Amino acid sequence: MACRPLTFVHLSLLIFNFSYFVSGDLMCEDLPIDICAFAVSSAGTRCILEKEISSDGEAIYFCQTSKVDAIEFTEWIETDDCMQACGIDRMTLGISSDALVDSSFLGYLCSKDCHNNCPNVVELFEKLSEEEGAPLKRVCDQRFMNAARQEGTELHDSHRSSFFMATKNTWPASSTDALPPTYSFLEFVTADAPSPS
């Protein structure tokens, strides 16, 4: 098996692990920006990636301790697998519930891969969704019900379309003799009317 080259994220993790081994505490302000988002400090506070624009217009990113506590986690760096499974990005700025209205994001967040394997991410978004008044379980259940309803509607529409196409094609198109006779309204009304005598 061939060795894979180290990526920037792997290199950052190696440097961070060395500095963590020396100091003993995971502090958000010490994290490289590419592993900051969705990390949890030794104190149990969530780390957030922030951005400032310098006077010359350059974006400067830095890791900072948020005011949001993790309930069950400390000293946590989110894995690449969970970032991918949950549809989140290492360069996500701050902590916000805005993503909860994005249906494609909810598709990832509510997936079994994310929900069953990424408890840190799920815990964060459970807390955010509860603060918005809609528990994450209910949001995910509603999403699955809407998806099932949409699939059912699409299936129903395709069957109805097939039915109309089938009935439309029951009259032989090549023979006008097979078509029922047509009358104008006047011919139809006067055909059976008694003659005035």
C-alpha atoms as a PDB file:
ATOM      1  CA  MET A   1       0.000   0.000   0.000  1.00  0.00           C
ATOM      2  CA  ALA A   2       1.429   3.360  -1.028  1.00  0.00           C
ATOM      3  CA  CYS A   3       1.849   6.167   1.478  1.00  0.00           C
ATOM      4  CA  ARG A   4      -0.395   9.176   1.008  1.00  0.00           C
ATOM      5  CA  PRO A   5       1.169  12.628   1.254  1.00  0.00           C
ATOM      6  CA  LEU A   6       0.316  14.682   4.332  1.00  0.00           C
ATOM      7  CA  THR A   7      -2.364  17.260   3.739  1.00  0.00           C
ATOM      8  CA  PHE A   8      -2.382  20.672   5.341  1.00  0.00           C
ATOM      9  CA  VAL A   9      -5.058  19.495   7.801  1.00  0.00           C
ATOM     10  CA  HIS A  10      -2.967  16.479   8.816  1.00  0.00           C
ATOM     11  CA  LEU A  11       0.102  18.660   9.247  1.00  0.00           C
ATOM     12  CA  SER A  12      -1.893  21.127  11.373  1.00  0.00           C
ATOM     13  CA  LEU A  13      -3.138  18.268  13.536  1.00  0.00           C
ATOM     14  CA  LEU A  14       0.423  17.014  14.034  1.00  0.00           C
ATOM     15  CA  ILE A  15       1.636  20.469  15.062  1.00  0.00           C
ATOM     16  CA  PHE A  16      -1.374  20.946  17.332  1.00  0.00           C
ATOM     17  CA  ASN A  17      -0.885  17.523  18.959  1.00  0.00           C
ATOM     18  CA  PHE A  18       2.739  18.377  19.695  1.00  0.00           C
ATOM     19  CA  SER A  19       1.817  21.732  21.271  1.00  0.00           C
ATOM     20  CA  TYR A  20      -1.056  20.099  23.179  1.00  0.00           C
ATOM     21  CA  PHE A  21       1.355  17.473  24.538  1.00  0.00           C
ATOM     22  CA  VAL A  22       3.652  20.258  25.763  1.00  0.00           C
ATOM     23  CA  SER A  23       0.979  22.516  27.350  1.00  0.00           C
ATOM     24  CA  GLY A  24      -1.632  19.919  28.392  1.00  0.00           C
ATOM     25  CA  ASP A  25      -4.689  22.074  27.647  1.00  0.00           C
ATOM     26  CA  LEU A  26      -6.665  22.486  24.475  1.00  0.00           C
ATOM     27  CA  MET A  27      -7.334  26.200  24.125  1.00  0.00           C
ATOM     28  CA  CYS A  28      -9.298  27.533  21.175  1.00  0.00           C
ATOM     29  CA  GLU A  29      -6.964  30.483  20.677  1.00  0.00           C
ATOM     30  CA  ASP A  30      -4.058  28.045  20.131  1.00  0.00           C
ATOM     31  CA  LEU A  31      -5.798  26.024  17.395  1.00  0.00           C
ATOM     32  CA  PRO A  32      -4.845  26.407  13.744  1.00  0.00           C
ATOM     33  CA  ILE A  33      -7.721  27.864  11.727  1.00  0.00           C
ATOM     34  CA  ASP A  34      -8.183  24.700   9.666  1.00  0.00           C
ATOM     35  CA  ILE A  35      -9.222  22.620  12.707  1.00  0.00           C
ATOM     36  CA  CYS A  36     -10.912  25.325  14.782  1.00  0.00           C
ATOM     37  CA  ALA A  37     -14.554  25.114  13.690  1.00  0.00           C
ATOM     38  CA  PHE A  38     -16.597  22.560  15.689  1.00  0.00           C
ATOM     39  CA  ALA A  39     -13.722  21.924  18.130  1.00  0.00           C
ATOM     40  CA  VAL A  40     -14.261  21.909  21.912  1.00  0.00           C
ATOM     41  CA  SER A  41     -11.704  23.228  24.409  1.00  0.00           C
ATOM     42  CA  SER A  42     -10.486  21.544  27.609  1.00  0.00           C
ATOM     43  CA  ALA A  43     -12.903  23.780  29.523  1.00  0.00           C
ATOM     44  CA  GLY A  44     -15.829  22.425  27.467  1.00  0.00           C
ATOM     45  CA  THR A  45     -16.463  25.605  25.495  1.00  0.00           C
ATOM     46  CA  ARG A  46     -16.915  25.469  21.752  1.00  0.00           C
ATOM     47  CA  CYS A  47     -14.311  27.008  19.492  1.00  0.00           C
ATOM     48  CA  ILE A  48     -15.370  29.303  16.676  1.00  0.00           C
ATOM     49  CA  LEU A  49     -13.579  30.541  13.616  1.00  0.00           C
ATOM     50  CA  GLU A  50     -13.751  34.323  13.257  1.00  0.00           C
ATOM     51  CA  LYS A  51     -12.723  36.674  10.470  1.00  0.00           C
ATOM     52  CA  GLU A  52     -11.592  40.279  10.495  1.00  0.00           C
ATOM     53  CA  ILE A  53     -10.731  42.491   7.572  1.00  0.00           C
ATOM     54  CA  SER A  54      -7.430  44.315   7.972  1.00  0.00           C
ATOM     55  CA  SER A  55      -6.951  47.960   7.024  1.00  0.00           C
ATOM     56  CA  ASP A  56      -5.484  46.870   3.684  1.00  0.00           C
ATOM     57  CA  GLY A  57      -8.601  44.733   2.936  1.00  0.00           C
ATOM     58  CA  GLU A  58      -7.067  41.340   3.683  1.00  0.00           C
ATOM     59  CA  ALA A  59      -9.175  38.717   5.493  1.00  0.00           C
ATOM     60  CA  ILE A  60      -7.570  37.535   8.726  1.00  0.00           C
ATOM     61  CA  TYR A  61      -8.930  34.344  10.281  1.00  0.00           C
ATOM     62  CA  PHE A  62      -8.425  33.329  13.912  1.00  0.00           C
ATOM     63  CA  CYS A  63      -9.774  30.804  16.378  1.00  0.00           C
ATOM     64  CA  GLN A  64     -11.602  32.040  19.441  1.00  0.00           C
ATOM     65  CA  THR A  65     -13.463  30.659  22.468  1.00  0.00           C
ATOM     66  CA  SER A  66     -17.232  31.072  22.174  1.00  0.00           C
ATOM     67  CA  LYS A  67     -19.800  31.493  24.930  1.00  0.00           C
ATOM     68  CA  VAL A  68     -21.441  28.207  23.912  1.00  0.00           C
ATOM     69  CA  ASP A  69     -20.691  25.226  26.140  1.00  0.00           C
ATOM     70  CA  ALA A  70     -20.566  21.662  24.901  1.00  0.00           C
ATOM     71  CA  ILE A  71     -22.617  19.403  27.143  1.00  0.00           C
ATOM     72  CA  GLU A  72     -20.820  16.082  26.784  1.00  0.00           C
ATOM     73  CA  PHE A  73     -17.513  16.932  25.139  1.00  0.00           C
ATOM     74  CA  THR A  74     -14.138  18.367  26.053  1.00  0.00           C
ATOM     75  CA  GLU A  75     -10.859  18.443  24.143  1.00  0.00           C
ATOM     76  CA  TRP A  76     -12.524  17.550  20.867  1.00  0.00           C
ATOM     77  CA  ILE A  77     -11.314  18.126  17.310  1.00  0.00           C
ATOM     78  CA  GLU A  78     -13.962  17.147  14.775  1.00  0.00           C
ATOM     79  CA  THR A  79     -12.932  14.466  12.281  1.00  0.00           C
ATOM     80  CA  ASP A  80     -12.843  14.854   8.507  1.00  0.00           C
ATOM     81  CA  ASP A  81     -15.331  11.966   8.239  1.00  0.00           C
ATOM     82  CA  CYS A  82     -17.876  13.837  10.366  1.00  0.00           C
ATOM     83  CA  MET A  83     -17.278  17.090   8.525  1.00  0.00           C
ATOM     84  CA  GLN A  84     -18.174  15.302   5.308  1.00  0.00           C
ATOM     85  CA  ALA A  85     -21.024  13.166   6.715  1.00  0.00           C
ATOM     86  CA  CYS A  86     -22.725  16.165   8.358  1.00  0.00           C
ATOM     87  CA  GLY A  87     -22.208  18.574   5.466  1.00  0.00           C
ATOM     88  CA  ILE A  88     -20.170  21.063   7.465  1.00  0.00           C
ATOM     89  CA  ASP A  89     -17.039  22.967   6.533  1.00  0.00           C
ATOM     90  CA  ARG A  90     -13.857  23.610   8.478  1.00  0.00           C
ATOM     91  CA  MET A  91     -13.996  27.251   7.399  1.00  0.00           C
ATOM     92  CA  THR A  92     -17.464  27.842   8.902  1.00  0.00           C
ATOM     93  CA  LEU A  93     -17.491  31.179  10.690  1.00  0.00           C
ATOM     94  CA  GLY A  94     -19.081  31.486  14.135  1.00  0.00           C
ATOM     95  CA  ILE A  95     -21.985  29.428  15.429  1.00  0.00           C
ATOM     96  CA  SER A  96     -25.409  30.009  13.927  1.00  0.00           C
ATOM     97  CA  SER A  97     -28.737  28.255  13.497  1.00  0.00           C
ATOM     98  CA  ASP A  98     -29.079  29.732   9.983  1.00  0.00           C
ATOM     99  CA  ALA A  99     -27.975  26.452   8.411  1.00  0.00           C
ATOM    100  CA  LEU A 100     -31.053  24.732   9.874  1.00  0.00           C
ATOM    101  CA  VAL A 101     -33.257  26.306   7.191  1.00  0.00           C
ATOM    102  CA  ASP A 102     -31.107  24.931   4.362  1.00  0.00           C
ATOM    103  CA  SER A 103     -32.754  21.714   3.155  1.00  0.00           C
ATOM    104  CA  SER A 104     -29.564  20.323   1.595  1.00  0.00           C
ATOM    105  CA  PHE A 105     -27.684  20.854   4.873  1.00  0.00           C
ATOM    106  CA  LEU A 106     -30.510  19.176   6.807  1.00  0.00           C
ATOM    107  CA  GLY A 107     -30.196  16.231   4.444  1.00  0.00           C
ATOM    108  CA  TYR A 108     -26.641  15.722   5.680  1.00  0.00           C
ATOM    109  CA  LEU A 109     -27.303  16.594   9.325  1.00  0.00           C
ATOM    110  CA  CYS A 110     -30.319  14.271   9.581  1.00  0.00           C
ATOM    111  CA  SER A 111     -28.583  11.415   7.748  1.00  0.00           C
ATOM    112  CA  LYS A 112     -27.755   8.215   9.609  1.00  0.00           C
ATOM    113  CA  ASP A 113     -24.031   8.708   8.902  1.00  0.00           C
ATOM    114  CA  CYS A 114     -24.027  12.034  10.720  1.00  0.00           C
ATOM    115  CA  HIS A 115     -26.606  11.277  13.399  1.00  0.00           C
ATOM    116  CA  ASN A 116     -25.130   7.926  14.426  1.00  0.00           C
ATOM    117  CA  ASN A 117     -21.409   8.709  14.151  1.00  0.00           C
ATOM    118  CA  CYS A 118     -20.922  12.405  14.915  1.00  0.00           C
ATOM    119  CA  PRO A 119     -22.293  13.157  18.390  1.00  0.00           C
ATOM    120  CA  ASN A 120     -20.415  16.455  18.782  1.00  0.00           C
ATOM    121  CA  VAL A 121     -21.985  17.982  15.669  1.00  0.00           C
ATOM    122  CA  VAL A 122     -25.423  16.581  16.512  1.00  0.00           C
ATOM    123  CA  GLU A 123     -25.199  17.944  20.070  1.00  0.00           C
ATOM    124  CA  LEU A 124     -24.342  21.430  18.791  1.00  0.00           C
ATOM    125  CA  PHE A 125     -27.210  21.556  16.304  1.00  0.00           C
ATOM    126  CA  GLU A 126     -29.626  20.002  18.821  1.00  0.00           C
ATOM    127  CA  LYS A 127     -28.839  22.901  21.136  1.00  0.00           C
ATOM    128  CA  LEU A 128     -29.194  25.475  18.347  1.00  0.00           C
ATOM    129  CA  SER A 129     -32.489  24.042  17.105  1.00  0.00           C
ATOM    130  CA  GLU A 130     -33.932  23.883  20.626  1.00  0.00           C
ATOM    131  CA  GLU A 131     -33.053  27.562  21.076  1.00  0.00           C
ATOM    132  CA  GLU A 132     -35.076  28.227  17.911  1.00  0.00           C
ATOM    133  CA  GLY A 133     -38.029  26.340  19.427  1.00  0.00           C
ATOM    134  CA  ALA A 134     -37.849  23.253  17.227  1.00  0.00           C
ATOM    135  CA  PRO A 135     -35.940  20.234  18.575  1.00  0.00           C
ATOM    136  CA  LEU A 136     -33.625  18.663  15.995  1.00  0.00           C
ATOM    137  CA  LYS A 137     -35.433  15.315  16.185  1.00  0.00           C
ATOM    138  CA  ARG A 138     -38.680  17.015  15.176  1.00  0.00           C
ATOM    139  CA  VAL A 139     -36.920  18.967  12.397  1.00  0.00           C
ATOM    140  CA  CYS A 140     -35.394  15.749  11.007  1.00  0.00           C
ATOM    141  CA  ASP A 141     -38.666  13.804  11.351  1.00  0.00           C
ATOM    142  CA  GLN A 142     -40.496  16.587   9.499  1.00  0.00           C
ATOM    143  CA  ARG A 143     -37.853  16.574   6.795  1.00  0.00           C
ATOM    144  CA  PHE A 144     -38.197  12.809   6.304  1.00  0.00           C
ATOM    145  CA  MET A 145     -42.012  13.076   6.236  1.00  0.00           C
ATOM    146  CA  ASN A 146     -41.845  15.875   3.650  1.00  0.00           C
ATOM    147  CA  ALA A 147     -39.407  13.860   1.531  1.00  0.00           C
ATOM    148  CA  ALA A 148     -41.657  10.781   1.719  1.00  0.00           C
ATOM    149  CA  ARG A 149     -44.723  12.891   0.897  1.00  0.00           C
ATOM    150  CA  GLN A 150     -42.932  14.430  -2.080  1.00  0.00           C
ATOM    151  CA  GLU A 151     -41.860  10.996  -3.339  1.00  0.00           C
ATOM    152  CA  GLY A 152     -45.455   9.789  -2.962  1.00  0.00           C
ATOM    153  CA  THR A 153     -46.777  12.807  -4.873  1.00  0.00           C
ATOM    154  CA  GLU A 154     -44.237  12.292  -7.645  1.00  0.00           C
ATOM    155  CA  LEU A 155     -45.184   8.604  -7.846  1.00  0.00           C
ATOM    156  CA  HIS A 156     -48.897   9.480  -7.900  1.00  0.00           C
ATOM    157  CA  ASP A 157     -48.321  12.110 -10.603  1.00  0.00           C
ATOM    158  CA  SER A 158     -46.322   9.685 -12.739  1.00  0.00           C
ATOM    159  CA  HIS A 159     -49.063   7.030 -12.444  1.00  0.00           C
ATOM    160  CA  ARG A 160     -51.764   9.587 -13.272  1.00  0.00           C
ATOM    161  CA  SER A 161     -49.739  10.786 -16.246  1.00  0.00           C
ATOM    162  CA  SER A 162     -49.316   7.176 -17.412  1.00  0.00           C
ATOM    163  CA  PHE A 163     -53.078   6.608 -17.054  1.00  0.00           C
ATOM    164  CA  PHE A 164     -53.936   9.667 -19.155  1.00  0.00           C
ATOM    165  CA  MET A 165     -51.383   8.701 -21.787  1.00  0.00           C
ATOM    166  CA  ALA A 166     -52.880   5.190 -21.910  1.00  0.00           C
ATOM    167  CA  THR A 167     -56.483   6.443 -22.270  1.00  0.00           C
ATOM    168  CA  LYS A 168     -55.454   9.045 -24.813  1.00  0.00           C
ATOM    169  CA  ASN A 169     -53.974   6.298 -26.959  1.00  0.00           C
ATOM    170  CA  THR A 170     -57.032   3.987 -26.883  1.00  0.00           C
ATOM    171  CA  TRP A 171     -58.634   5.556 -29.978  1.00  0.00           C
ATOM    172  CA  PRO A 172     -57.060   4.346 -33.213  1.00  0.00           C
ATOM    173  CA  ALA A 173     -55.262   7.348 -34.620  1.00  0.00           C
ATOM    174  CA  SER A 174     -55.234   6.086 -38.220  1.00  0.00           C
ATOM    175  CA  SER A 175     -58.954   5.495 -38.663  1.00  0.00           C
ATOM    176  CA  THR A 176     -61.485   8.312 -38.579  1.00  0.00           C
ATOM    177  CA  ASP A 177     -64.296   5.737 -38.874  1.00  0.00           C
ATOM    178  CA  ALA A 178     -63.588   4.567 -35.350  1.00  0.00           C
ATOM    179  CA  LEU A 179     -64.170   8.031 -33.877  1.00  0.00           C
ATOM    180  CA  PRO A 180     -67.662   8.816 -32.618  1.00  0.00           C
ATOM    181  CA  PRO A 181     -69.649  11.262 -34.748  1.00  0.00           C
ATOM    182  CA  THR A 182     -69.524  14.909 -33.786  1.00  0.00           C
ATOM    183  CA  TYR A 183     -72.361  17.407 -33.919  1.00  0.00           C
ATOM    184  CA  SER A 184     -72.561  21.105 -33.459  1.00  0.00           C
ATOM    185  CA  PHE A 185     -74.667  22.284 -30.563  1.00  0.00           C
ATOM    186  CA  LEU A 186     -77.420  23.471 -32.923  1.00  0.00           C
ATOM    187  CA  GLU A 187     -77.507  20.143 -34.798  1.00  0.00           C
ATOM    188  CA  PHE A 188     -77.671  18.263 -31.502  1.00  0.00           C
ATOM    189  CA  VAL A 189     -80.517  20.377 -30.072  1.00  0.00           C
ATOM    190  CA  THR A 190     -82.621  20.420 -33.224  1.00  0.00           C
ATOM    191  CA  ALA A 191     -82.065  16.770 -34.212  1.00  0.00           C
ATOM    192  CA  ASP A 192     -84.692  15.399 -31.840  1.00  0.00           C
ATOM    193  CA  ALA A 193     -86.905  18.479 -31.566  1.00  0.00           C
ATOM    194  CA  PRO A 194     -90.475  17.998 -32.799  1.00  0.00           C
ATOM    195  CA  SER A 195     -91.373  20.000 -35.873  1.00  0.00           C
ATOM    196  CA  PRO A 196     -93.906  22.791 -35.345  1.00  0.00           C
ATOM    197  CA  SER A 197     -97.242  21.838 -36.800  1.00  0.00           C
END
